[in-house]
C-alpha cells in the first residue's frame, strides 16, 4: 500500500503536464486549417483568427498558472492597446518560472 501511495505521489506532475500538452494537437490542427483557408481570404481575416487563437492560448496559460499551481499572476502597467505602437527590448533575469508567460 505504501509503494502505491509513493507511486501515485510521483505522478502528481502528470496532470498539469497533460493540461498543457493535450490542447496542443487541436490548436495545431486549427492553426493549420486557418492558414490553408486564409490563402483564399483577405489577410485581415487570417490576422483576426490568429489573434483570437493566441488570446485563447494565453487565457489557458493564465488559467493553468493561477488555478492549478496556486500562483497569482499580477500584470500591471500601461494598456498597450491604448498606446501608439513602439519597439521595445524586454530583459528578464528569470527570478521565477513564469517569466516567459508574463513577457509573452
N, C-alpha and C. Protein backbone atom coordinates (compact mmCIF):
# COMPACT_ATOMS: atom_id res chain seq x y z
N UNK A 1 0.82 -1.20 0.00
CA UNK A 1 0.00 0.00 0.00
C UNK A 1 0.86 1.26 0.00
N UNK A 2 1.92 1.21 0.77
CA UNK A 2 2.81 2.37 0.85
C UNK A 2 3.48 2.64 -0.49
N UNK A 3 3.88 1.57 -1.19
CA UNK A 3 4.51 1.77 -2.50
C UNK A 3 3.52 2.34 -3.52
N UNK A 4 2.24 2.00 -3.40
CA UNK A 4 1.21 2.58 -4.27
C UNK A 4 1.07 4.07 -4.02
N UNK A 5 1.07 4.46 -2.76
CA UNK A 5 0.97 5.88 -2.42
C UNK A 5 2.17 6.65 -2.94
N UNK A 6 3.35 6.08 -2.78
CA UNK A 6 4.56 6.73 -3.28
C UNK A 6 4.51 6.85 -4.80
N UNK A 7 4.05 5.81 -5.47
CA UNK A 7 3.96 5.85 -6.94
C UNK A 7 2.94 6.89 -7.41
N UNK A 8 1.78 6.94 -6.79
CA UNK A 8 0.75 7.92 -7.17
C UNK A 8 1.26 9.33 -6.90
N UNK A 9 1.96 9.51 -5.80
CA UNK A 9 2.50 10.83 -5.48
C UNK A 9 3.55 11.26 -6.51
N UNK A 10 4.30 10.32 -7.05
CA UNK A 10 5.30 10.66 -8.06
C UNK A 10 4.66 11.07 -9.39
N UNK A 11 3.41 10.72 -9.61
CA UNK A 11 2.71 11.07 -10.84
C UNK A 11 1.94 12.38 -10.75
N UNK A 12 2.07 13.11 -9.64
CA UNK A 12 1.28 14.33 -9.46
C UNK A 12 1.60 15.41 -10.49
N UNK A 13 2.75 15.32 -11.14
CA UNK A 13 3.09 16.31 -12.15
C UNK A 13 2.50 15.97 -13.51
N UNK A 14 1.91 14.81 -13.65
CA UNK A 14 1.33 14.40 -14.92
C UNK A 14 0.06 15.19 -15.26
N UNK A 15 -0.72 15.54 -14.26
CA UNK A 15 -1.98 16.28 -14.52
C UNK A 15 -1.69 17.65 -15.11
N UNK A 16 -0.82 18.48 -14.50
CA UNK A 16 -0.53 19.77 -15.13
C UNK A 16 0.13 19.62 -16.50
N UNK A 17 1.00 18.62 -16.63
CA UNK A 17 1.65 18.40 -17.92
C UNK A 17 0.62 18.04 -18.99
N UNK A 18 -0.32 17.18 -18.65
CA UNK A 18 -1.37 16.80 -19.60
C UNK A 18 -2.26 17.99 -19.93
N UNK A 19 -2.54 18.83 -18.94
CA UNK A 19 -3.38 20.01 -19.19
C UNK A 19 -2.73 20.96 -20.19
N UNK A 20 -1.42 21.02 -20.18
CA UNK A 20 -0.73 21.93 -21.10
C UNK A 20 -0.49 21.28 -22.47
N UNK A 21 -0.30 19.95 -22.51
CA UNK A 21 0.04 19.30 -23.77
C UNK A 21 -1.16 18.81 -24.57
N UNK A 22 -2.24 18.43 -23.91
CA UNK A 22 -3.39 17.89 -24.64
C UNK A 22 -4.02 18.89 -25.61
N UNK A 23 -4.12 20.18 -25.28
CA UNK A 23 -4.69 21.12 -26.26
C UNK A 23 -3.78 21.42 -27.44
N UNK A 24 -2.53 20.95 -27.41
CA UNK A 24 -1.58 21.30 -28.47
C UNK A 24 -2.01 20.75 -29.83
N UNK A 25 -2.50 19.52 -29.88
CA UNK A 25 -2.88 18.93 -31.17
C UNK A 25 -4.07 19.65 -31.80
N UNK A 26 -5.19 19.86 -31.07
CA UNK A 26 -6.29 20.61 -31.71
C UNK A 26 -5.88 22.04 -32.08
N UNK A 27 -5.05 22.65 -31.25
CA UNK A 27 -4.60 24.01 -31.54
C UNK A 27 -3.78 24.02 -32.84
N UNK A 28 -2.88 23.06 -33.00
CA UNK A 28 -2.06 22.98 -34.21
C UNK A 28 -2.93 22.72 -35.43
N UNK A 29 -3.87 21.79 -35.33
CA UNK A 29 -4.74 21.46 -36.47
C UNK A 29 -5.62 22.65 -36.86
N UNK A 30 -6.14 23.35 -35.87
CA UNK A 30 -6.95 24.54 -36.16
C UNK A 30 -6.10 25.62 -36.81
N UNK A 31 -4.88 25.79 -36.31
CA UNK A 31 -3.98 26.78 -36.89
C UNK A 31 -3.64 26.44 -38.34
N UNK A 32 -3.38 25.16 -38.61
CA UNK A 32 -3.07 24.74 -39.99
C UNK A 32 -4.28 24.93 -40.90
N UNK A 33 -5.48 24.61 -40.42
CA UNK A 33 -6.69 24.80 -41.22
C UNK A 33 -6.92 26.29 -41.50
N UNK A 34 -6.69 27.12 -40.49
CA UNK A 34 -6.85 28.56 -40.67
C UNK A 34 -5.86 29.08 -41.71
N UNK A 35 -4.64 28.59 -41.66
CA UNK A 35 -3.64 29.02 -42.63
C UNK A 35 -4.02 28.60 -44.05
N UNK A 36 -4.52 27.38 -44.21
CA UNK A 36 -4.94 26.92 -45.54
C UNK A 36 -6.14 27.69 -46.06
N UNK A 37 -7.13 27.92 -45.19
CA UNK A 37 -8.33 28.65 -45.61
C UNK A 37 -8.04 30.11 -45.90
N UNK A 38 -7.07 30.67 -45.20
CA UNK A 38 -6.81 32.09 -45.38
C UNK A 38 -6.07 32.39 -46.68
N UNK A 39 -5.61 31.37 -47.37
CA UNK A 39 -4.93 31.60 -48.65
C UNK A 39 -5.88 32.26 -49.66
N UNK A 40 -7.17 31.93 -49.57
CA UNK A 40 -8.14 32.50 -50.49
C UNK A 40 -8.91 33.66 -49.88
N UNK A 41 -8.69 33.94 -48.62
CA UNK A 41 -9.43 35.00 -47.93
C UNK A 41 -8.53 36.21 -47.70
N UNK A 42 -9.13 37.35 -47.38
CA UNK A 42 -8.30 38.53 -47.11
C UNK A 42 -7.35 38.30 -45.93
N UNK A 43 -6.22 38.98 -45.98
CA UNK A 43 -5.20 38.82 -44.95
C UNK A 43 -5.71 39.22 -43.57
N UNK A 44 -6.57 40.19 -43.46
CA UNK A 44 -7.06 40.64 -42.15
C UNK A 44 -7.88 39.55 -41.46
N UNK A 45 -8.52 38.67 -42.21
CA UNK A 45 -9.26 37.57 -41.60
C UNK A 45 -8.31 36.59 -40.94
N UNK A 46 -7.19 36.33 -41.62
CA UNK A 46 -6.18 35.44 -41.02
C UNK A 46 -5.62 36.07 -39.75
N UNK A 47 -5.32 37.36 -39.79
CA UNK A 47 -4.79 38.04 -38.60
C UNK A 47 -5.78 37.98 -37.45
N UNK A 48 -7.07 38.19 -37.77
CA UNK A 48 -8.09 38.13 -36.73
C UNK A 48 -8.16 36.73 -36.12
N UNK A 49 -8.18 35.70 -36.95
CA UNK A 49 -8.24 34.32 -36.46
C UNK A 49 -7.00 33.94 -35.67
N UNK A 50 -5.84 34.38 -36.14
CA UNK A 50 -4.60 34.08 -35.45
C UNK A 50 -4.55 34.79 -34.09
N UNK A 51 -4.97 36.05 -34.05
CA UNK A 51 -5.03 36.78 -32.78
C UNK A 51 -6.01 36.13 -31.81
N UNK A 52 -7.14 35.66 -32.33
CA UNK A 52 -8.14 35.00 -31.49
C UNK A 52 -7.57 33.72 -30.89
N UNK A 53 -6.90 32.92 -31.71
CA UNK A 53 -6.32 31.67 -31.20
C UNK A 53 -5.22 31.95 -30.19
N UNK A 54 -4.43 32.97 -30.41
CA UNK A 54 -3.38 33.33 -29.47
C UNK A 54 -3.98 33.79 -28.14
N UNK A 55 -5.06 34.55 -28.20
CA UNK A 55 -5.74 35.00 -26.99
C UNK A 55 -6.29 33.82 -26.20
N UNK A 56 -6.86 32.85 -26.89
CA UNK A 56 -7.37 31.65 -26.22
C UNK A 56 -6.23 30.89 -25.56
N UNK A 57 -5.10 30.77 -26.27
CA UNK A 57 -3.95 30.07 -25.70
C UNK A 57 -3.43 30.78 -24.45
N UNK A 58 -3.30 32.09 -24.53
CA UNK A 58 -2.80 32.84 -23.38
C UNK A 58 -3.77 32.76 -22.20
N UNK A 59 -5.06 32.74 -22.47
CA UNK A 59 -6.05 32.57 -21.39
C UNK A 59 -5.88 31.21 -20.73
N UNK A 60 -5.60 30.18 -21.54
CA UNK A 60 -5.39 28.85 -20.98
C UNK A 60 -4.13 28.82 -20.11
N UNK A 61 -3.06 29.48 -20.56
CA UNK A 61 -1.83 29.51 -19.78
C UNK A 61 -2.07 30.22 -18.44
N UNK A 62 -2.75 31.37 -18.48
CA UNK A 62 -3.04 32.08 -17.24
C UNK A 62 -3.94 31.27 -16.32
N UNK A 63 -4.94 30.60 -16.89
CA UNK A 63 -5.81 29.74 -16.08
C UNK A 63 -4.98 28.65 -15.41
N UNK A 64 -4.09 28.03 -16.16
CA UNK A 64 -3.25 26.97 -15.61
C UNK A 64 -2.41 27.48 -14.45
N UNK A 65 -1.72 28.60 -14.64
CA UNK A 65 -0.84 29.10 -13.59
C UNK A 65 -1.61 29.59 -12.38
N UNK A 66 -2.77 30.20 -12.58
CA UNK A 66 -3.49 30.75 -11.43
C UNK A 66 -4.30 29.69 -10.68
N UNK A 67 -4.88 28.72 -11.38
CA UNK A 67 -5.77 27.77 -10.72
C UNK A 67 -5.13 26.43 -10.39
N UNK A 68 -4.23 25.98 -11.22
CA UNK A 68 -3.63 24.66 -10.99
C UNK A 68 -2.39 24.71 -10.12
N UNK A 69 -1.64 25.80 -10.19
CA UNK A 69 -0.43 25.88 -9.39
C UNK A 69 -0.59 26.76 -8.17
N UNK A 70 -1.68 27.51 -8.09
CA UNK A 70 -1.91 28.35 -6.93
C UNK A 70 -1.14 29.66 -6.95
N UNK A 71 -0.51 29.98 -8.08
CA UNK A 71 0.24 31.22 -8.21
C UNK A 71 -0.69 32.32 -8.70
N UNK A 72 -0.57 33.49 -8.12
CA UNK A 72 -1.36 34.62 -8.60
C UNK A 72 -0.49 35.44 -9.54
N UNK A 73 -0.90 35.51 -10.80
CA UNK A 73 -0.17 36.29 -11.80
C UNK A 73 -0.77 37.68 -11.84
N UNK A 74 0.04 38.68 -11.51
CA UNK A 74 -0.43 40.06 -11.49
C UNK A 74 0.31 40.81 -12.59
N UNK A 75 -0.45 41.33 -13.53
CA UNK A 75 0.11 42.13 -14.61
C UNK A 75 -0.26 43.58 -14.37
N UNK A 76 0.70 44.46 -14.49
CA UNK A 76 0.41 45.87 -14.29
C UNK A 76 1.22 46.68 -15.28
N UNK A 77 0.82 47.92 -15.44
CA UNK A 77 1.50 48.81 -16.38
C UNK A 77 0.48 49.46 -17.31
N UNK A 78 0.98 50.10 -18.33
CA UNK A 78 0.13 50.78 -19.29
C UNK A 78 -0.56 49.75 -20.19
N UNK A 79 -1.79 50.08 -20.59
CA UNK A 79 -2.53 49.22 -21.51
C UNK A 79 -1.97 49.41 -22.91
N UNK A 80 -1.35 48.36 -23.48
CA UNK A 80 -0.71 48.53 -24.80
C UNK A 80 -1.68 48.82 -25.92
N UNK A 81 -2.96 48.47 -25.77
CA UNK A 81 -3.92 48.74 -26.85
C UNK A 81 -4.26 50.22 -26.94
N UNK A 82 -3.95 50.98 -25.90
CA UNK A 82 -4.27 52.42 -25.90
C UNK A 82 -3.04 53.27 -26.16
N UNK A 83 -1.93 52.62 -26.47
CA UNK A 83 -0.69 53.35 -26.71
C UNK A 83 -0.29 53.21 -28.17
N UNK A 84 0.45 54.17 -28.69
CA UNK A 84 0.93 54.02 -30.07
C UNK A 84 1.94 52.87 -30.14
N UNK A 85 2.00 52.17 -31.27
CA UNK A 85 2.95 51.05 -31.38
C UNK A 85 4.39 51.55 -31.28
N UNK A 86 5.21 50.79 -30.59
CA UNK A 86 6.61 51.14 -30.46
C UNK A 86 7.43 49.87 -30.30
N UNK A 87 8.70 49.97 -30.57
CA UNK A 87 9.61 48.84 -30.39
C UNK A 87 10.16 48.88 -28.97
N UNK A 88 10.30 47.71 -28.38
CA UNK A 88 10.85 47.64 -27.03
C UNK A 88 11.85 46.50 -26.95
N UNK A 89 12.66 46.55 -25.93
CA UNK A 89 13.54 45.44 -25.58
C UNK A 89 13.17 45.04 -24.17
N UNK A 90 12.79 43.79 -24.00
CA UNK A 90 12.39 43.29 -22.69
C UNK A 90 13.49 42.37 -22.18
N UNK A 91 14.01 42.66 -21.00
CA UNK A 91 15.03 41.83 -20.38
C UNK A 91 14.46 41.21 -19.12
N UNK A 92 14.76 39.95 -18.92
CA UNK A 92 14.28 39.27 -17.73
C UNK A 92 15.43 38.51 -17.09
N UNK A 93 15.55 38.60 -15.78
CA UNK A 93 16.62 37.87 -15.10
C UNK A 93 16.12 36.55 -14.52
N UNK A 94 14.93 36.13 -14.92
CA UNK A 94 14.37 34.82 -14.59
C UNK A 94 14.40 34.52 -13.09
N UNK A 95 13.69 35.31 -12.35
CA UNK A 95 13.57 35.07 -10.92
C UNK A 95 12.55 33.98 -10.61
N UNK A 96 11.68 33.69 -11.58
CA UNK A 96 10.70 32.64 -11.37
C UNK A 96 10.44 31.94 -12.72
N UNK A 97 9.68 30.85 -12.67
CA UNK A 97 9.44 30.08 -13.89
C UNK A 97 8.30 30.64 -14.73
N UNK A 98 7.67 31.71 -14.29
CA UNK A 98 6.55 32.28 -15.03
C UNK A 98 6.98 33.50 -15.84
N UNK A 99 8.25 33.81 -15.87
CA UNK A 99 8.72 34.98 -16.60
C UNK A 99 8.32 34.94 -18.07
N UNK A 100 8.39 33.77 -18.69
CA UNK A 100 8.06 33.67 -20.11
C UNK A 100 6.58 33.97 -20.34
N UNK A 101 5.70 33.61 -19.41
CA UNK A 101 4.27 33.89 -19.58
C UNK A 101 3.99 35.37 -19.45
N UNK A 102 4.65 36.01 -18.52
CA UNK A 102 4.46 37.45 -18.33
C UNK A 102 5.00 38.21 -19.53
N UNK A 103 6.17 37.83 -20.03
CA UNK A 103 6.77 38.51 -21.17
C UNK A 103 5.95 38.28 -22.43
N UNK A 104 5.35 37.12 -22.54
CA UNK A 104 4.58 36.78 -23.72
C UNK A 104 3.28 37.55 -23.70
